[in-house]
Amino acid sequence: MASHPEKLVGTGGPILPEVIPEDLALEIRRLAHDLSNALEIIVQTSYLLSTAELKEPAATWLGMLESGVTKSLDINLQLRQYIKAHTAR
């Protein structure tokens, strides 16, 4: 049975189904964790801003921020799933 490589959304390139070496996997997991923590600050700040009554153009900027937050969270989830699928543990 032939397998077809997955594609990571937005990259246009195939993801090779290889196992990430353990030393690299540990560092990538650490970076992904740090990224998640940084994104959480942005998510919470975006939420707090959404509770304020913002005038234009700030309301438009908030919409742009929220769009970027959603995309960032999706990419971070893809990254974490890729790491999990391509590491030994």
PDB file of N, CA and C in Angstrom:
ATOM      1  N   MET A   1       0.843  -1.165   0.000  1.00  0.00           N
ATOM      2  CA  MET A   1       0.000   0.000   0.000  1.00  0.00           C
ATOM      3  C   MET A   1       0.895   1.236   0.000  1.00  0.00           C
ATOM      4  N   ALA A   2       0.682   2.156  -0.929  1.00  0.00           N
ATOM      5  CA  ALA A   2       1.471   3.381  -1.011  1.00  0.00           C
ATOM      6  C   ALA A   2       0.957   4.390  -0.002  1.00  0.00           C
ATOM      7  N   SER A   3       1.906   5.087   0.608  1.00  0.00           N
ATOM      8  CA  SER A   3       1.490   6.140   1.536  1.00  0.00           C
ATOM      9  C   SER A   3       1.732   7.480   0.886  1.00  0.00           C
ATOM     10  N   HIS A   4       0.912   8.417   1.253  1.00  0.00           N
ATOM     11  CA  HIS A   4       1.029   9.759   0.709  1.00  0.00           C
ATOM     12  C   HIS A   4       1.452  10.680   1.839  1.00  0.00           C
ATOM     13  N   PRO A   5       2.515  11.455   1.636  1.00  0.00           N
ATOM     14  CA  PRO A   5       2.946  12.364   2.699  1.00  0.00           C
ATOM     15  C   PRO A   5       1.868  13.395   2.992  1.00  0.00           C
ATOM     16  N   GLU A   6       1.745  13.722   4.267  1.00  0.00           N
ATOM     17  CA  GLU A   6       0.807  14.778   4.667  1.00  0.00           C
ATOM     18  C   GLU A   6       1.384  16.116   4.239  1.00  0.00           C
ATOM     19  N   LYS A   7       0.537  17.119   4.237  1.00  0.00           N
ATOM     20  CA  LYS A   7       1.022  18.465   3.991  1.00  0.00           C
ATOM     21  C   LYS A   7       0.652  19.323   5.169  1.00  0.00           C
ATOM     22  N   LEU A   8       1.590  20.127   5.609  1.00  0.00           N
ATOM     23  CA  LEU A   8       1.343  21.080   6.674  1.00  0.00           C
ATOM     24  C   LEU A   8       0.693  22.289   6.030  1.00  0.00           C
ATOM     25  N   VAL A   9      -0.437  22.692   6.537  1.00  0.00           N
ATOM     26  CA  VAL A   9      -1.192  23.792   5.960  1.00  0.00           C
ATOM     27  C   VAL A   9      -0.297  25.022   5.854  1.00  0.00           C
ATOM     28  N   GLY A  10      -0.308  25.636   4.698  1.00  0.00           N
ATOM     29  CA  GLY A  10       0.423  26.882   4.499  1.00  0.00           C
ATOM     30  C   GLY A  10       1.851  26.705   4.010  1.00  0.00           C
ATOM     31  N   THR A  11       2.417  25.487   4.057  1.00  0.00           N
ATOM     32  CA  THR A  11       3.795  25.331   3.636  1.00  0.00           C
ATOM     33  C   THR A  11       3.913  24.937   2.177  1.00  0.00           C
ATOM     34  N   GLY A  12       2.912  24.205   1.669  1.00  0.00           N
ATOM     35  CA  GLY A  12       2.962  23.755   0.297  1.00  0.00           C
ATOM     36  C   GLY A  12       3.891  22.574   0.073  1.00  0.00           C
ATOM     37  N   GLY A  13       4.641  22.193   1.091  1.00  0.00           N
ATOM     38  CA  GLY A  13       5.573  21.091   0.938  1.00  0.00           C
ATOM     39  C   GLY A  13       5.143  19.874   1.724  1.00  0.00           C
ATOM     40  N   PRO A  14       5.639  18.718   1.304  1.00  0.00           N
ATOM     41  CA  PRO A  14       5.278  17.495   2.027  1.00  0.00           C
ATOM     42  C   PRO A  14       6.016  17.402   3.360  1.00  0.00           C
ATOM     43  N   ILE A  15       5.402  16.714   4.289  1.00  0.00           N
ATOM     44  CA  ILE A  15       6.038  16.425   5.562  1.00  0.00           C
ATOM     45  C   ILE A  15       6.520  14.981   5.477  1.00  0.00           C
ATOM     46  N   LEU A  16       7.801  14.784   5.630  1.00  0.00           N
ATOM     47  CA  LEU A  16       8.336  13.439   5.551  1.00  0.00           C
ATOM     48  C   LEU A  16       8.071  12.706   6.861  1.00  0.00           C
ATOM     49  N   PRO A  17       7.593  11.473   6.784  1.00  0.00           N
ATOM     50  CA  PRO A  17       7.242  10.711   7.982  1.00  0.00           C
ATOM     51  C   PRO A  17       8.464  10.092   8.658  1.00  0.00           C
ATOM     52  N   GLU A  18       9.448  10.899   9.008  1.00  0.00           N
ATOM     53  CA  GLU A  18      10.655  10.422   9.656  1.00  0.00           C
ATOM     54  C   GLU A  18      10.561  10.675  11.152  1.00  0.00           C
ATOM     55  N   VAL A  19      11.336   9.914  11.901  1.00  0.00           N
ATOM     56  CA  VAL A  19      11.394  10.116  13.341  1.00  0.00           C
ATOM     57  C   VAL A  19      12.435  11.190  13.627  1.00  0.00           C
ATOM     58  N   ILE A  20      12.053  12.155  14.432  1.00  0.00           N
ATOM     59  CA  ILE A  20      12.966  13.229  14.825  1.00  0.00           C
ATOM     60  C   ILE A  20      13.940  12.646  15.852  1.00  0.00           C
ATOM     61  N   PRO A  21      15.255  12.834  15.665  1.00  0.00           N
ATOM     62  CA  PRO A  21      16.217  12.341  16.658  1.00  0.00           C
ATOM     63  C   PRO A  21      15.890  12.892  18.050  1.00  0.00           C
ATOM     64  N   GLU A  22      16.108  12.085  19.076  1.00  0.00           N
ATOM     65  CA  GLU A  22      15.685  12.414  20.435  1.00  0.00           C
ATOM     66  C   GLU A  22      16.245  13.745  20.933  1.00  0.00           C
ATOM     67  N   ASP A  23      17.532  14.032  20.677  1.00  0.00           N
ATOM     68  CA  ASP A  23      18.107  15.288  21.164  1.00  0.00           C
ATOM     69  C   ASP A  23      17.426  16.493  20.512  1.00  0.00           C
ATOM     70  N   LEU A  24      17.123  16.380  19.223  1.00  0.00           N
ATOM     71  CA  LEU A  24      16.409  17.459  18.545  1.00  0.00           C
ATOM     72  C   LEU A  24      14.964  17.535  19.020  1.00  0.00           C
ATOM     73  N   ALA A  25      14.349  16.383  19.237  1.00  0.00           N
ATOM     74  CA  ALA A  25      12.962  16.346  19.687  1.00  0.00           C
ATOM     75  C   ALA A  25      12.802  17.052  21.026  1.00  0.00           C
ATOM     76  N   LEU A  26      13.752  16.839  21.937  1.00  0.00           N
ATOM     77  CA  LEU A  26      13.683  17.503  23.242  1.00  0.00           C
ATOM     78  C   LEU A  26      13.730  19.017  23.098  1.00  0.00           C
ATOM     79  N   GLU A  27      14.623  19.499  22.255  1.00  0.00           N
ATOM     80  CA  GLU A  27      14.733  20.947  22.052  1.00  0.00           C
ATOM     81  C   GLU A  27      13.503  21.499  21.348  1.00  0.00           C
ATOM     82  N   ILE A  28      12.998  20.785  20.361  1.00  0.00           N
ATOM     83  CA  ILE A  28      11.805  21.238  19.650  1.00  0.00           C
ATOM     84  C   ILE A  28      10.602  21.261  20.591  1.00  0.00           C
ATOM     85  N   ARG A  29      10.481  20.236  21.460  1.00  0.00           N
ATOM     86  CA  ARG A  29       9.386  20.230  22.443  1.00  0.00           C
ATOM     87  C   ARG A  29       9.497  21.416  23.384  1.00  0.00           C
ATOM     88  N   ARG A  30      10.724  21.717  23.826  1.00  0.00           N
ATOM     89  CA  ARG A  30      10.933  22.853  24.731  1.00  0.00           C
ATOM     90  C   ARG A  30      10.524  24.164  24.045  1.00  0.00           C
ATOM     91  N   LEU A  31      10.940  24.322  22.801  1.00  0.00           N
ATOM     92  CA  LEU A  31      10.586  25.536  22.056  1.00  0.00           C
ATOM     93  C   LEU A  31       9.079  25.628  21.823  1.00  0.00           C
ATOM     94  N   ALA A  32       8.447  24.503  21.499  1.00  0.00           N
ATOM     95  CA  ALA A  32       6.995  24.493  21.290  1.00  0.00           C
ATOM     96  C   ALA A  32       6.268  24.857  22.582  1.00  0.00           C
ATOM     97  N   HIS A  33       6.780  24.375  23.711  1.00  0.00           N
ATOM     98  CA  HIS A  33       6.183  24.708  25.003  1.00  0.00           C
ATOM     99  C   HIS A  33       6.320  26.205  25.281  1.00  0.00           C
ATOM    100  N   ASP A  34       7.510  26.747  25.047  1.00  0.00           N
ATOM    101  CA  ASP A  34       7.731  28.185  25.241  1.00  0.00           C
ATOM    102  C   ASP A  34       6.844  29.003  24.307  1.00  0.00           C
ATOM    103  N   LEU A  35       6.680  28.541  23.073  1.00  0.00           N
ATOM    104  CA  LEU A  35       5.799  29.221  22.124  1.00  0.00           C
ATOM    105  C   LEU A  35       4.365  29.209  22.635  1.00  0.00           C
ATOM    106  N   SER A  36       3.927  28.081  23.156  1.00  0.00           N
ATOM    107  CA  SER A  36       2.571  27.980  23.704  1.00  0.00           C
ATOM    108  C   SER A  36       2.372  28.975  24.844  1.00  0.00           C
ATOM    109  N   ASN A  37       3.369  29.091  25.705  1.00  0.00           N
ATOM    110  CA  ASN A  37       3.267  30.049  26.815  1.00  0.00           C
ATOM    111  C   ASN A  37       3.188  31.487  26.310  1.00  0.00           C
ATOM    112  N   ALA A  38       3.994  31.820  25.324  1.00  0.00           N
ATOM    113  CA  ALA A  38       3.963  33.171  24.759  1.00  0.00           C
ATOM    114  C   ALA A  38       2.621  33.434  24.071  1.00  0.00           C
ATOM    115  N   LEU A  39       2.110  32.451  23.351  1.00  0.00           N
ATOM    116  CA  LEU A  39       0.816  32.609  22.683  1.00  0.00           C
ATOM    117  C   LEU A  39      -0.310  32.798  23.701  1.00  0.00           C
ATOM    118  N   GLU A  40      -0.206  32.134  24.834  1.00  0.00           N
ATOM    119  CA  GLU A  40      -1.242  32.274  25.862  1.00  0.00           C
ATOM    120  C   GLU A  40      -1.336  33.722  26.348  1.00  0.00           C
ATOM    121  N   ILE A  41      -0.217  34.391  26.481  1.00  0.00           N
ATOM    122  CA  ILE A  41      -0.219  35.805  26.873  1.00  0.00           C
ATOM    123  C   ILE A  41      -0.941  36.634  25.807  1.00  0.00           C
ATOM    124  N   ILE A  42      -0.664  36.363  24.550  1.00  0.00           N
ATOM    125  CA  ILE A  42      -1.299  37.099  23.453  1.00  0.00           C
ATOM    126  C   ILE A  42      -2.796  36.818  23.416  1.00  0.00           C
ATOM    127  N   VAL A  43      -3.169  35.557  23.598  1.00  0.00           N
ATOM    128  CA  VAL A  43      -4.590  35.174  23.600  1.00  0.00           C
ATOM    129  C   VAL A  43      -5.333  35.902  24.723  1.00  0.00           C
ATOM    130  N   GLN A  44      -4.766  35.884  25.911  1.00  0.00           N
ATOM    131  CA  GLN A  44      -5.431  36.527  27.047  1.00  0.00           C
ATOM    132  C   GLN A  44      -5.518  38.045  26.859  1.00  0.00           C
ATOM    133  N   THR A  45      -4.459  38.638  26.329  1.00  0.00           N
ATOM    134  CA  THR A  45      -4.482  40.077  26.078  1.00  0.00           C
ATOM    135  C   THR A  45      -5.518  40.422  25.019  1.00  0.00           C
ATOM    136  N   SER A  46      -5.612  39.617  23.985  1.00  0.00           N
ATOM    137  CA  SER A  46      -6.622  39.816  22.948  1.00  0.00           C
ATOM    138  C   SER A  46      -8.019  39.743  23.549  1.00  0.00           C
ATOM    139  N   TYR A  47      -8.234  38.749  24.404  1.00  0.00           N
ATOM    140  CA  TYR A  47      -9.543  38.633  25.063  1.00  0.00           C
ATOM    141  C   TYR A  47      -9.849  39.870  25.903  1.00  0.00           C
ATOM    142  N   LEU A  48      -8.886  40.308  26.697  1.00  0.00           N
ATOM    143  CA  LEU A  48      -9.109  41.485  27.544  1.00  0.00           C
ATOM    144  C   LEU A  48      -9.417  42.725  26.705  1.00  0.00           C
ATOM    145  N   LEU A  49      -8.706  42.891  25.599  1.00  0.00           N
ATOM    146  CA  LEU A  49      -8.982  44.019  24.710  1.00  0.00           C
ATOM    147  C   LEU A  49     -10.385  43.925  24.110  1.00  0.00           C
ATOM    148  N   SER A  50     -10.848  42.689  23.858  1.00  0.00           N
ATOM    149  CA  SER A  50     -12.182  42.530  23.266  1.00  0.00           C
ATOM    150  C   SER A  50     -13.291  42.930  24.228  1.00  0.00           C
ATOM    151  N   THR A  51     -12.986  43.011  25.518  1.00  0.00           N
ATOM    152  CA  THR A  51     -13.998  43.420  26.497  1.00  0.00           C
ATOM    153  C   THR A  51     -14.088  44.940  26.618  1.00  0.00           C
ATOM    154  N   ALA A  52     -13.134  45.639  26.030  1.00  0.00           N
ATOM    155  CA  ALA A  52     -13.133  47.102  26.071  1.00  0.00           C
ATOM    156  C   ALA A  52     -13.927  47.655  24.883  1.00  0.00           C
ATOM    157  N   GLU A  53     -14.503  48.809  25.071  1.00  0.00           N
ATOM    158  CA  GLU A  53     -15.206  49.469  23.971  1.00  0.00           C
ATOM    159  C   GLU A  53     -14.198  50.297  23.190  1.00  0.00           C
ATOM    160  N   LEU A  54     -13.746  49.719  22.086  1.00  0.00           N
ATOM    161  CA  LEU A  54     -12.714  50.374  21.292  1.00  0.00           C
ATOM    162  C   LEU A  54     -13.336  51.169  20.154  1.00  0.00           C
ATOM    163  N   LYS A  55     -12.760  52.314  19.890  1.00  0.00           N
ATOM    164  CA  LYS A  55     -13.192  53.143  18.760  1.00  0.00           C
ATOM    165  C   LYS A  55     -12.341  52.775  17.549  1.00  0.00           C
ATOM    166  N   GLU A  56     -12.822  53.164  16.394  1.00  0.00           N
ATOM    167  CA  GLU A  56     -12.045  52.936  15.169  1.00  0.00           C
ATOM    168  C   GLU A  56     -10.837  53.865  15.183  1.00  0.00           C
ATOM    169  N   PRO A  57      -9.720  53.481  14.688  1.00  0.00           N
ATOM    170  CA  PRO A  57      -9.429  52.227  14.006  1.00  0.00           C
ATOM    171  C   PRO A  57      -9.032  51.086  14.959  1.00  0.00           C
ATOM    172  N   ALA A  58      -9.032  51.338  16.274  1.00  0.00           N
ATOM    173  CA  ALA A  58      -8.593  50.309  17.222  1.00  0.00           C
ATOM    174  C   ALA A  58      -9.445  49.041  17.135  1.00  0.00           C
ATOM    175  N   ALA A  59     -10.743  49.185  16.888  1.00  0.00           N
ATOM    176  CA  ALA A  59     -11.611  48.008  16.779  1.00  0.00           C
ATOM    177  C   ALA A  59     -11.206  47.145  15.579  1.00  0.00           C
ATOM    178  N   THR A  60     -10.821  47.782  14.495  1.00  0.00           N
ATOM    179  CA  THR A  60     -10.346  47.053  13.311  1.00  0.00           C
ATOM    180  C   THR A  60      -9.029  46.353  13.625  1.00  0.00           C
ATOM    181  N   TRP A  61      -8.160  47.039  14.346  1.00  0.00           N
ATOM    182  CA  TRP A  61      -6.877  46.439  14.723  1.00  0.00           C
ATOM    183  C   TRP A  61      -7.087  45.224  15.620  1.00  0.00           C
ATOM    184  N   LEU A  62      -8.073  45.304  16.501  1.00  0.00           N
ATOM    185  CA  LEU A  62      -8.379  44.166  17.357  1.00  0.00           C
ATOM    186  C   LEU A  62      -8.832  42.972  16.512  1.00  0.00           C
ATOM    187  N   GLY A  63      -9.639  43.224  15.505  1.00  0.00           N
ATOM    188  CA  GLY A  63     -10.061  42.145  14.604  1.00  0.00           C
ATOM    189  C   GLY A  63      -8.866  41.507  13.906  1.00  0.00           C
ATOM    190  N   MET A  64      -7.911  42.328  13.496  1.00  0.00           N
ATOM    191  CA  MET A  64      -6.697  41.810  12.868  1.00  0.00           C
ATOM    192  C   MET A  64      -5.904  40.966  13.861  1.00  0.00           C
ATOM    193  N   LEU A  65      -5.816  41.450  15.105  1.00  0.00           N
ATOM    194  CA  LEU A  65      -5.119  40.716  16.149  1.00  0.00           C
ATOM    195  C   LEU A  65      -5.784  39.365  16.394  1.00  0.00           C
ATOM    196  N   GLU A  66      -7.107  39.368  16.499  1.00  0.00           N
ATOM    197  CA  GLU A  66      -7.835  38.126  16.749  1.00  0.00           C
ATOM    198  C   GLU A  66      -7.641  37.127  15.612  1.00  0.00           C
ATOM    199  N   SER A  67      -7.600  37.612  14.384  1.00  0.00           N
ATOM    200  CA  SER A  67      -7.353  36.741  13.229  1.00  0.00           C
ATOM    201  C   SER A  67      -5.959  36.122  13.323  1.00  0.00           C
ATOM    202  N   GLY A  68      -4.982  36.936  13.659  1.00  0.00           N
ATOM    203  CA  GLY A  68      -3.611  36.441  13.810  1.00  0.00           C
ATOM    204  C   GLY A  68      -3.493  35.456  14.960  1.00  0.00           C
ATOM    205  N   VAL A  69      -4.202  35.713  16.045  1.00  0.00           N
ATOM    206  CA  VAL A  69      -4.194  34.807  17.191  1.00  0.00           C
ATOM    207  C   VAL A  69      -4.734  33.444  16.777  1.00  0.00           C
ATOM    208  N   THR A  70      -5.846  33.432  16.059  1.00  0.00           N
ATOM    209  CA  THR A  70      -6.447  32.175  15.621  1.00  0.00           C
ATOM    210  C   THR A  70      -5.489  31.396  14.724  1.00  0.00           C
ATOM    211  N   LYS A  71      -4.875  32.081  13.772  1.00  0.00           N
ATOM    212  CA  LYS A  71      -3.921  31.418  12.877  1.00  0.00           C
ATOM    213  C   LYS A  71      -2.721  30.875  13.645  1.00  0.00           C
ATOM    214  N   SER A  72      -2.220  31.667  14.582  1.00  0.00           N
ATOM    215  CA  SER A  72      -1.062  31.250  15.378  1.00  0.00           C
ATOM    216  C   SER A  72      -1.371  30.017  16.205  1.00  0.00           C
ATOM    217  N   LEU A  73      -2.547  29.989  16.805  1.00  0.00           N
ATOM    218  CA  LEU A  73      -2.945  28.825  17.604  1.00  0.00           C
ATOM    219  C   LEU A  73      -3.079  27.587  16.730  1.00  0.00           C
ATOM    220  N   ASP A  74      -3.627  27.747  15.532  1.00  0.00           N
ATOM    221  CA  ASP A  74      -3.752  26.618  14.604  1.00  0.00           C
ATOM    222  C   ASP A  74      -2.377  26.076  14.202  1.00  0.00           C
ATOM    223  N   ILE A  75      -1.461  26.969  13.882  1.00  0.00           N
ATOM    224  CA  ILE A  75      -0.112  26.562  13.491  1.00  0.00           C
ATOM    225  C   ILE A  75       0.597  25.890  14.661  1.00  0.00           C
ATOM    226  N   ASN A  76       0.441  26.441  15.864  1.00  0.00           N
ATOM    227  CA  ASN A  76       1.061  25.851  17.037  1.00  0.00           C
ATOM    228  C   ASN A  76       0.522  24.439  17.288  1.00  0.00           C
ATOM    229  N   LEU A  77      -0.767  24.251  17.104  1.00  0.00           N
ATOM    230  CA  LEU A  77      -1.367  22.926  17.268  1.00  0.00           C
ATOM    231  C   LEU A  77      -0.797  21.955  16.233  1.00  0.00           C
ATOM    232  N   GLN A  78      -0.669  22.403  14.990  1.00  0.00           N
ATOM    233  CA  GLN A  78      -0.086  21.564  13.944  1.00  0.00           C
ATOM    234  C   GLN A  78       1.348  21.175  14.298  1.00  0.00           C
ATOM    235  N   LEU A  79       2.102  22.130  14.804  1.00  0.00           N
ATOM    236  CA  LEU A  79       3.487  21.876  15.197  1.00  0.00           C
ATOM    237  C   LEU A  79       3.547  20.820  16.294  1.00  0.00           C
ATOM    238  N   ARG A  80       2.716  20.975  17.320  1.00  0.00           N
ATOM    239  CA  ARG A  80       2.706  20.026  18.430  1.00  0.00           C
ATOM    240  C   ARG A  80       2.269  18.633  17.961  1.00  0.00           C
ATOM    241  N   GLN A  81       1.306  18.575  17.072  1.00  0.00           N
ATOM    242  CA  GLN A  81       0.860  17.283  16.536  1.00  0.00           C
ATOM    243  C   GLN A  81       1.970  16.631  15.707  1.00  0.00           C
ATOM    244  N   TYR A  82       2.675  17.430  14.933  1.00  0.00           N
ATOM    245  CA  TYR A  82       3.769  16.906  14.123  1.00  0.00           C
ATOM    246  C   TYR A  82       4.872  16.341  15.017  1.00  0.00           C
ATOM    247  N   ILE A  83       5.229  17.099  16.055  1.00  0.00           N
ATOM    248  CA  ILE A  83       6.263  16.636  16.988  1.00  0.00           C
ATOM    249  C   ILE A  83       5.832  15.315  17.624  1.00  0.00           C
ATOM    250  N   LYS A  84       4.606  15.257  18.079  1.00  0.00           N
ATOM    251  CA  LYS A  84       4.107  14.036  18.726  1.00  0.00           C
ATOM    252  C   LYS A  84       4.124  12.846  17.777  1.00  0.00           C
ATOM    253  N   ALA A  85       3.733  13.079  16.541  1.00  0.00           N
ATOM    254  CA  ALA A  85       3.664  11.990  15.555  1.00  0.00           C
ATOM    255  C   ALA A  85       5.039  11.524  15.078  1.00  0.00           C
ATOM    256  N   HIS A  86       6.052  12.372  15.235  1.00  0.00           N
ATOM    257  CA  HIS A  86       7.371  12.050  14.662  1.00  0.00           C
ATOM    258  C   HIS A  86       8.461  11.914  15.712  1.00  0.00           C
ATOM    259  N   THR A  87       8.079  11.624  16.943  1.00  0.00           N
ATOM    260  CA  THR A  87       9.074  11.352  17.974  1.00  0.00           C
ATOM    261  C   THR A  87       8.819   9.960  18.549  1.00  0.00           C
ATOM    262  N   ALA A  88       9.873   9.416  19.120  1.00  0.00           N
ATOM    263  CA  ALA A  88       9.798   8.051  19.621  1.00  0.00           C
ATOM    264  C   ALA A  88       8.910   7.912  20.851  1.00  0.00           C
ATOM    265  N   ARG A  89       8.840   8.948  21.671  1.00  0.00           N
ATOM    266  CA  ARG A  89       8.024   8.811  22.886  1.00  0.00           C
ATOM    267  C   ARG A  89       6.771   9.608  22.841  1.00  0.00           C
TER     268      ARG A  89
END
